[in-house]
Amino acid sequence: MMKLASRVWVECFQYPTEDPEKVSKAIETVSGEPATSKKEYESVHGPKFWLLSFETGKQAGIRKVLENILLGLSEEEIAQIKETLEERISSDGVLHIRLDKQLASQGKICLGKGGDVVKVRIKLAAYPASRENLLKAAEGLLS
């Protein structure tokens, strides 16, 4: 199998009003593994919040994240991602996908909107890293 991605990050914020177990479940639903990092931040208004993240460069881990996403999303949502690939791939070759955090905390995967989401970033493996090759790599991941 051709290597189409070299690294994946799954992350979301945990706010003081949220159940930490539910936020951890959201990360695990997407990554298949517990968060590998939890960083604490303080908001401008005082309350603390945390950034939970899972990161891997291992192909088995990357495949697991992609499998969870592709099996969880509906055909319409996958089609929506494919239609918007041009906007989802950054200049540094990272594919961005936002998933609904509340549904992920219940074990379901669905595209999300707004700021309260599970963010997935996938570093595409495309050589040379031209825009055309990055789009082909992203299409390959979603097939």
N, C-alpha and C. Protein backbone atom coordinates (compact mmCIF):
# COMPACT_ATOMS: atom_id res chain seq x y z
N MET A 1 0.84 -1.19 0.00
CA MET A 1 0.00 0.00 0.00
C MET A 1 0.88 1.25 0.00
N MET A 2 0.55 2.20 -0.85
CA MET A 2 1.32 3.42 -0.96
C MET A 2 1.08 4.32 0.26
N LYS A 3 2.12 4.94 0.73
CA LYS A 3 2.02 5.84 1.88
C LYS A 3 1.44 7.17 1.40
N LEU A 4 0.25 7.51 1.90
CA LEU A 4 -0.43 8.73 1.48
C LEU A 4 -0.41 9.81 2.57
N ALA A 5 -0.03 9.42 3.80
CA ALA A 5 0.05 10.38 4.90
C ALA A 5 1.24 10.02 5.78
N SER A 6 1.86 11.04 6.36
CA SER A 6 3.05 10.79 7.19
C SER A 6 2.83 11.09 8.67
N ARG A 7 1.77 11.80 9.00
CA ARG A 7 1.49 12.13 10.39
C ARG A 7 0.03 12.54 10.52
N VAL A 8 -0.53 12.29 11.71
CA VAL A 8 -1.91 12.70 11.97
C VAL A 8 -2.00 13.27 13.38
N TRP A 9 -2.81 14.32 13.51
CA TRP A 9 -3.08 14.94 14.81
C TRP A 9 -4.59 14.97 14.99
N VAL A 10 -5.04 14.60 16.19
CA VAL A 10 -6.46 14.67 16.55
C VAL A 10 -6.50 15.49 17.84
N GLU A 11 -7.25 16.58 17.86
CA GLU A 11 -7.25 17.43 19.06
C GLU A 11 -8.57 18.14 19.27
N CYS A 12 -8.82 18.45 20.54
CA CYS A 12 -10.00 19.24 20.89
C CYS A 12 -9.77 19.90 22.25
N PHE A 13 -10.55 20.94 22.49
CA PHE A 13 -10.48 21.65 23.76
C PHE A 13 -11.43 21.02 24.77
N GLN A 14 -11.02 21.06 26.02
CA GLN A 14 -11.88 20.66 27.13
C GLN A 14 -12.08 21.91 27.98
N TYR A 15 -13.32 22.34 28.10
CA TYR A 15 -13.63 23.54 28.87
C TYR A 15 -14.04 23.15 30.29
N PRO A 16 -13.95 24.07 31.25
CA PRO A 16 -14.24 23.74 32.65
C PRO A 16 -15.65 23.19 32.88
N THR A 17 -16.58 23.54 32.01
CA THR A 17 -17.96 23.09 32.18
C THR A 17 -18.21 21.69 31.60
N GLU A 18 -17.20 21.12 30.96
CA GLU A 18 -17.37 19.83 30.30
C GLU A 18 -16.87 18.68 31.16
N ASP A 19 -17.47 17.53 30.97
CA ASP A 19 -17.07 16.30 31.64
C ASP A 19 -15.77 15.80 30.97
N PRO A 20 -14.67 15.73 31.72
CA PRO A 20 -13.39 15.30 31.14
C PRO A 20 -13.47 13.92 30.47
N GLU A 21 -14.27 13.02 31.03
CA GLU A 21 -14.39 11.68 30.44
C GLU A 21 -15.04 11.73 29.06
N LYS A 22 -16.01 12.61 28.89
CA LYS A 22 -16.68 12.74 27.59
C LYS A 22 -15.73 13.32 26.54
N VAL A 23 -14.94 14.30 26.94
CA VAL A 23 -13.99 14.90 26.00
C VAL A 23 -12.92 13.87 25.62
N SER A 24 -12.46 13.10 26.59
CA SER A 24 -11.48 12.04 26.31
C SER A 24 -12.09 11.00 25.37
N LYS A 25 -13.36 10.69 25.56
CA LYS A 25 -14.07 9.73 24.70
C LYS A 25 -14.13 10.26 23.27
N ALA A 26 -14.29 11.56 23.10
CA ALA A 26 -14.35 12.15 21.76
C ALA A 26 -13.03 11.92 21.03
N ILE A 27 -11.91 12.14 21.71
CA ILE A 27 -10.59 11.90 21.11
C ILE A 27 -10.45 10.42 20.76
N GLU A 28 -10.83 9.56 21.69
CA GLU A 28 -10.69 8.11 21.49
C GLU A 28 -11.57 7.59 20.36
N THR A 29 -12.75 8.16 20.20
CA THR A 29 -13.66 7.75 19.13
C THR A 29 -13.00 7.96 17.77
N VAL A 30 -12.30 9.07 17.63
CA VAL A 30 -11.67 9.40 16.35
C VAL A 30 -10.34 8.69 16.18
N SER A 31 -9.51 8.69 17.22
CA SER A 31 -8.15 8.15 17.09
C SER A 31 -8.05 6.65 17.35
N GLY A 32 -9.00 6.12 18.12
CA GLY A 32 -8.90 4.72 18.52
C GLY A 32 -7.96 4.52 19.69
N GLU A 33 -7.39 5.61 20.18
CA GLU A 33 -6.44 5.60 21.30
C GLU A 33 -6.73 6.77 22.23
N PRO A 34 -6.26 6.69 23.48
CA PRO A 34 -6.42 7.84 24.38
C PRO A 34 -5.54 9.01 23.93
N ALA A 35 -5.86 10.19 24.42
CA ALA A 35 -5.05 11.37 24.12
C ALA A 35 -3.61 11.13 24.60
N THR A 36 -2.65 11.60 23.83
CA THR A 36 -1.25 11.45 24.19
C THR A 36 -0.71 12.70 24.89
N SER A 37 -1.52 13.76 24.89
CA SER A 37 -1.07 15.02 25.48
C SER A 37 -2.26 15.80 26.02
N LYS A 38 -2.05 16.49 27.14
CA LYS A 38 -3.07 17.38 27.70
C LYS A 38 -2.35 18.62 28.21
N LYS A 39 -2.59 19.74 27.55
CA LYS A 39 -1.95 21.00 27.92
C LYS A 39 -2.97 21.94 28.53
N GLU A 40 -2.57 22.62 29.59
CA GLU A 40 -3.46 23.55 30.27
C GLU A 40 -3.20 24.97 29.80
N TYR A 41 -4.28 25.71 29.60
CA TYR A 41 -4.21 27.12 29.21
C TYR A 41 -5.13 27.92 30.11
N GLU A 42 -4.89 29.22 30.19
CA GLU A 42 -5.77 30.11 30.95
C GLU A 42 -6.36 31.11 29.98
N SER A 43 -7.68 31.26 30.04
CA SER A 43 -8.34 32.19 29.12
C SER A 43 -8.10 33.62 29.58
N VAL A 44 -8.42 34.54 28.72
CA VAL A 44 -8.27 35.96 29.03
C VAL A 44 -9.15 36.33 30.22
N HIS A 45 -10.26 35.64 30.37
CA HIS A 45 -11.22 35.93 31.44
C HIS A 45 -10.95 35.14 32.71
N GLY A 46 -9.90 34.32 32.72
CA GLY A 46 -9.53 33.62 33.94
C GLY A 46 -9.65 32.12 33.99
N PRO A 47 -10.79 31.53 33.57
CA PRO A 47 -10.92 30.08 33.70
C PRO A 47 -9.89 29.32 32.87
N LYS A 48 -9.50 28.19 33.40
CA LYS A 48 -8.55 27.35 32.68
C LYS A 48 -9.31 26.42 31.74
N PHE A 49 -8.62 26.04 30.66
CA PHE A 49 -9.15 25.04 29.74
C PHE A 49 -7.97 24.21 29.27
N TRP A 50 -8.24 23.10 28.62
CA TRP A 50 -7.18 22.17 28.25
C TRP A 50 -7.30 21.80 26.78
N LEU A 51 -6.16 21.53 26.18
CA LEU A 51 -6.11 21.01 24.81
C LEU A 51 -5.67 19.56 24.90
N LEU A 52 -6.57 18.65 24.53
CA LEU A 52 -6.26 17.24 24.50
C LEU A 52 -5.88 16.88 23.08
N SER A 53 -4.83 16.09 22.92
CA SER A 53 -4.42 15.73 21.57
C SER A 53 -3.85 14.32 21.50
N PHE A 54 -3.97 13.77 20.32
CA PHE A 54 -3.38 12.48 19.97
C PHE A 54 -2.58 12.75 18.72
N GLU A 55 -1.35 12.25 18.68
CA GLU A 55 -0.49 12.46 17.51
C GLU A 55 0.29 11.18 17.24
N THR A 56 0.40 10.85 15.96
CA THR A 56 1.21 9.69 15.59
C THR A 56 1.77 9.86 14.18
N GLY A 57 2.91 9.26 13.98
CA GLY A 57 3.51 9.17 12.66
C GLY A 57 3.60 7.72 12.22
N LYS A 58 3.08 6.81 13.04
CA LYS A 58 3.09 5.39 12.71
C LYS A 58 1.96 5.09 11.74
N GLN A 59 2.27 4.34 10.70
CA GLN A 59 1.27 4.05 9.66
C GLN A 59 0.05 3.33 10.21
N ALA A 60 0.25 2.42 11.17
CA ALA A 60 -0.90 1.71 11.75
C ALA A 60 -1.84 2.69 12.45
N GLY A 61 -1.29 3.65 13.16
CA GLY A 61 -2.10 4.66 13.85
C GLY A 61 -2.81 5.58 12.88
N ILE A 62 -2.10 5.97 11.83
CA ILE A 62 -2.70 6.83 10.80
C ILE A 62 -3.86 6.10 10.12
N ARG A 63 -3.63 4.83 9.77
CA ARG A 63 -4.69 4.03 9.14
C ARG A 63 -5.90 3.90 10.05
N LYS A 64 -5.67 3.74 11.36
CA LYS A 64 -6.78 3.58 12.31
C LYS A 64 -7.63 4.84 12.36
N VAL A 65 -6.98 6.01 12.42
CA VAL A 65 -7.72 7.28 12.43
C VAL A 65 -8.55 7.42 11.15
N LEU A 66 -7.91 7.17 10.01
CA LEU A 66 -8.62 7.29 8.73
C LEU A 66 -9.78 6.30 8.64
N GLU A 67 -9.54 5.08 9.08
CA GLU A 67 -10.60 4.07 9.07
C GLU A 67 -11.78 4.50 9.94
N ASN A 68 -11.49 5.00 11.14
CA ASN A 68 -12.56 5.45 12.03
C ASN A 68 -13.38 6.57 11.39
N ILE A 69 -12.69 7.51 10.76
CA ILE A 69 -13.38 8.63 10.12
C ILE A 69 -14.21 8.15 8.93
N LEU A 70 -13.61 7.35 8.05
CA LEU A 70 -14.32 6.92 6.85
C LEU A 70 -15.49 5.99 7.15
N LEU A 71 -15.35 5.15 8.18
CA LEU A 71 -16.46 4.27 8.55
C LEU A 71 -17.55 5.02 9.30
N GLY A 72 -17.18 6.11 9.98
CA GLY A 72 -18.14 6.87 10.77
C GLY A 72 -18.95 7.88 9.97
N LEU A 73 -18.32 8.48 8.98
CA LEU A 73 -19.01 9.50 8.19
C LEU A 73 -19.97 8.87 7.19
N SER A 74 -21.02 9.60 6.87
CA SER A 74 -21.95 9.15 5.84
C SER A 74 -21.31 9.36 4.47
N GLU A 75 -21.89 8.73 3.46
CA GLU A 75 -21.40 8.90 2.09
C GLU A 75 -21.50 10.37 1.67
N GLU A 76 -22.56 11.04 2.13
CA GLU A 76 -22.76 12.46 1.79
C GLU A 76 -21.65 13.32 2.41
N GLU A 77 -21.28 12.99 3.64
CA GLU A 77 -20.23 13.77 4.30
C GLU A 77 -18.87 13.54 3.64
N ILE A 78 -18.59 12.31 3.25
CA ILE A 78 -17.33 12.03 2.54
C ILE A 78 -17.32 12.77 1.21
N ALA A 79 -18.46 12.78 0.52
CA ALA A 79 -18.57 13.53 -0.74
C ALA A 79 -18.35 15.01 -0.50
N GLN A 80 -18.87 15.53 0.61
CA GLN A 80 -18.69 16.95 0.95
C GLN A 80 -17.20 17.27 1.17
N ILE A 81 -16.49 16.38 1.85
CA ILE A 81 -15.05 16.58 2.04
C ILE A 81 -14.34 16.59 0.70
N LYS A 82 -14.66 15.62 -0.15
CA LYS A 82 -14.02 15.54 -1.47
C LYS A 82 -14.28 16.79 -2.30
N GLU A 83 -15.50 17.32 -2.21
CA GLU A 83 -15.86 18.52 -2.97
C GLU A 83 -15.12 19.76 -2.47
N THR A 84 -14.70 19.75 -1.21
CA THR A 84 -14.05 20.93 -0.63
C THR A 84 -12.56 20.69 -0.34
N LEU A 85 -11.96 19.70 -0.99
CA LEU A 85 -10.56 19.38 -0.74
C LEU A 85 -9.64 20.57 -0.96
N GLU A 86 -9.90 21.33 -1.99
CA GLU A 86 -9.04 22.47 -2.33
C GLU A 86 -8.90 23.43 -1.13
N GLU A 87 -10.02 23.68 -0.43
CA GLU A 87 -10.00 24.58 0.72
C GLU A 87 -9.47 23.90 1.98
N ARG A 88 -9.53 22.58 2.04
CA ARG A 88 -9.15 21.84 3.24
C ARG A 88 -7.66 21.55 3.34
N ILE A 89 -6.93 21.71 2.24
CA ILE A 89 -5.50 21.41 2.24
C ILE A 89 -4.72 22.71 2.34
N SER A 90 -3.93 22.83 3.42
CA SER A 90 -3.15 24.04 3.63
C SER A 90 -1.91 24.05 2.74
N SER A 91 -1.25 25.17 2.68
CA SER A 91 -0.07 25.32 1.83
C SER A 91 1.08 24.40 2.26
N ASP A 92 1.06 23.95 3.52
CA ASP A 92 2.12 23.03 3.97
C ASP A 92 1.71 21.56 3.84
N GLY A 93 0.65 21.29 3.07
CA GLY A 93 0.27 19.92 2.75
C GLY A 93 -0.47 19.18 3.84
N VAL A 94 -1.24 19.91 4.64
CA VAL A 94 -2.01 19.29 5.72
C VAL A 94 -3.50 19.36 5.37
N LEU A 95 -4.16 18.20 5.43
CA LEU A 95 -5.59 18.10 5.21
C LEU A 95 -6.30 18.33 6.54
N HIS A 96 -7.28 19.24 6.56
CA HIS A 96 -8.00 19.60 7.78
C HIS A 96 -9.44 19.11 7.72
N ILE A 97 -9.86 18.41 8.78
CA ILE A 97 -11.24 17.93 8.89
C ILE A 97 -11.73 18.25 10.30
N ARG A 98 -12.94 18.79 10.40
CA ARG A 98 -13.54 19.10 11.71
C ARG A 98 -14.72 18.16 11.94
N LEU A 99 -14.73 17.54 13.13
CA LEU A 99 -15.78 16.59 13.48
C LEU A 99 -16.54 17.10 14.70
N ASP A 100 -17.80 16.74 14.78
CA ASP A 100 -18.66 17.17 15.88
C ASP A 100 -18.17 16.54 17.20
N LYS A 101 -17.75 17.37 18.15
CA LYS A 101 -17.20 16.88 19.41
C LYS A 101 -18.26 16.22 20.29
N GLN A 102 -19.45 16.79 20.33
CA GLN A 102 -20.49 16.22 21.18
C GLN A 102 -20.90 14.83 20.71
N LEU A 103 -21.04 14.65 19.41
CA LEU A 103 -21.38 13.33 18.88
C LEU A 103 -20.22 12.36 19.06
N ALA A 104 -18.99 12.83 18.88
CA ALA A 104 -17.82 11.96 19.07
C ALA A 104 -17.73 11.48 20.51
N SER A 105 -18.16 12.32 21.46
CA SER A 105 -18.14 11.90 22.87
C SER A 105 -19.18 10.81 23.14
N GLN A 106 -20.09 10.62 22.19
CA GLN A 106 -21.10 9.56 22.28
C GLN A 106 -20.74 8.37 21.39
N GLY A 107 -19.54 8.42 20.80
CA GLY A 107 -19.08 7.31 19.96
C GLY A 107 -19.48 7.41 18.50
N LYS A 108 -19.97 8.58 18.06
CA LYS A 108 -20.41 8.76 16.68
C LYS A 108 -19.51 9.76 15.97
N ILE A 109 -19.29 9.55 14.70
CA ILE A 109 -18.45 10.47 13.92
C ILE A 109 -19.30 11.14 12.86
N CYS A 110 -19.25 12.48 12.87
CA CYS A 110 -20.05 13.30 11.97
C CYS A 110 -19.27 14.60 11.74
N LEU A 111 -19.38 15.19 10.57
CA LEU A 111 -18.71 16.47 10.33
C LEU A 111 -19.24 17.51 11.31
N GLY A 112 -18.37 18.40 11.73
CA GLY A 112 -18.74 19.44 12.68
C GLY A 112 -18.53 20.82 12.10
N LYS A 113 -19.14 21.79 12.76
CA LYS A 113 -19.03 23.20 12.36
C LYS A 113 -18.72 24.01 13.60
N GLY A 114 -18.19 25.18 13.40
CA GLY A 114 -17.91 26.07 14.53
C GLY A 114 -16.61 25.72 15.21
N GLY A 115 -16.49 26.17 16.46
CA GLY A 115 -15.24 26.01 17.19
C GLY A 115 -15.18 24.83 18.13
N ASP A 116 -16.34 24.31 18.55
CA ASP A 116 -16.35 23.22 19.52
C ASP A 116 -16.35 21.89 18.77
N VAL A 117 -15.19 21.55 18.22
CA VAL A 117 -15.06 20.38 17.35
C VAL A 117 -13.82 19.56 17.73
N VAL A 118 -13.75 18.38 17.18
CA VAL A 118 -12.52 17.60 17.20
C VAL A 118 -11.83 17.91 15.88
N LYS A 119 -10.63 18.48 15.97
CA LYS A 119 -9.90 18.84 14.76
C LYS A 119 -8.97 17.69 14.38
N VAL A 120 -9.02 17.32 13.12
CA VAL A 120 -8.12 16.29 12.61
C VAL A 120 -7.26 16.94 11.54
N ARG A 121 -5.95 16.78 11.70
CA ARG A 121 -5.00 17.28 10.69
C ARG A 121 -4.19 16.09 10.21
N ILE A 122 -4.12 15.95 8.89
CA ILE A 122 -3.41 14.83 8.29
C ILE A 122 -2.34 15.39 7.36
N LYS A 123 -1.08 15.11 7.69
CA LYS A 123 0.04 15.55 6.86
C LYS A 123 0.13 14.60 5.67
N LEU A 124 -0.17 15.12 4.50
CA LEU A 124 -0.18 14.31 3.30
C LEU A 124 1.23 14.00 2.83
N ALA A 125 1.42 12.79 2.33
CA ALA A 125 2.71 12.37 1.78
C ALA A 125 2.60 12.44 0.27
N ALA A 126 3.15 13.49 -0.31
CA ALA A 126 3.10 13.68 -1.75
C ALA A 126 4.45 14.20 -2.21
N TYR A 127 5.07 13.49 -3.13
CA TYR A 127 6.41 13.86 -3.60
C TYR A 127 6.42 13.94 -5.11
N PRO A 128 6.81 15.05 -5.70
CA PRO A 128 7.04 16.32 -5.01
C PRO A 128 5.72 16.89 -4.48
N ALA A 129 5.82 17.76 -3.53
CA ALA A 129 4.64 18.28 -2.82
C ALA A 129 3.94 19.40 -3.60
N SER A 130 3.58 19.09 -4.83
CA SER A 130 2.85 20.06 -5.64
C SER A 130 1.37 20.02 -5.22
N ARG A 131 0.66 21.06 -5.55
CA ARG A 131 -0.78 21.12 -5.21
C ARG A 131 -1.51 19.92 -5.83
N GLU A 132 -1.17 19.61 -7.06
CA GLU A 132 -1.82 18.49 -7.77
C GLU A 132 -1.54 17.16 -7.05
N ASN A 133 -0.30 16.93 -6.62
CA ASN A 133 0.04 15.69 -5.93
C ASN A 133 -0.61 15.62 -4.55
N LEU A 134 -0.73 16.75 -3.87
CA LEU A 134 -1.39 16.78 -2.57
C LEU A 134 -2.87 16.43 -2.71
N LEU A 135 -3.52 16.97 -3.74
CA LEU A 135 -4.93 16.66 -4.00
C LEU A 135 -5.11 15.17 -4.32
N LYS A 136 -4.19 14.60 -5.10
CA LYS A 136 -4.26 13.17 -5.44
C LYS A 136 -4.08 12.32 -4.17
N ALA A 137 -3.15 12.71 -3.31
CA ALA A 137 -2.94 11.97 -2.07
C ALA A 137 -4.18 12.03 -1.19
N ALA A 138 -4.80 13.20 -1.08
CA ALA A 138 -6.01 13.35 -0.27
C ALA A 138 -7.15 12.52 -0.86
N GLU A 139 -7.30 12.55 -2.15
CA GLU A 139 -8.34 11.73 -2.80
C GLU A 139 -8.09 10.25 -2.54
N GLY A 140 -6.83 9.83 -2.56
CA GLY A 140 -6.47 8.45 -2.28
C GLY A 140 -6.84 8.04 -0.87
N LEU A 141 -6.65 8.96 0.08
CA LEU A 141 -7.01 8.67 1.48
C LEU A 141 -8.50 8.48 1.65
N LEU A 142 -9.28 9.23 0.87
CA LEU A 142 -10.73 9.20 1.03
C LEU A 142 -11.42 8.15 0.17
N SER A 143 -10.65 7.36 -0.54
CA SER A 143 -11.22 6.32 -1.42
C SER A 143 -11.43 5.03 -0.67
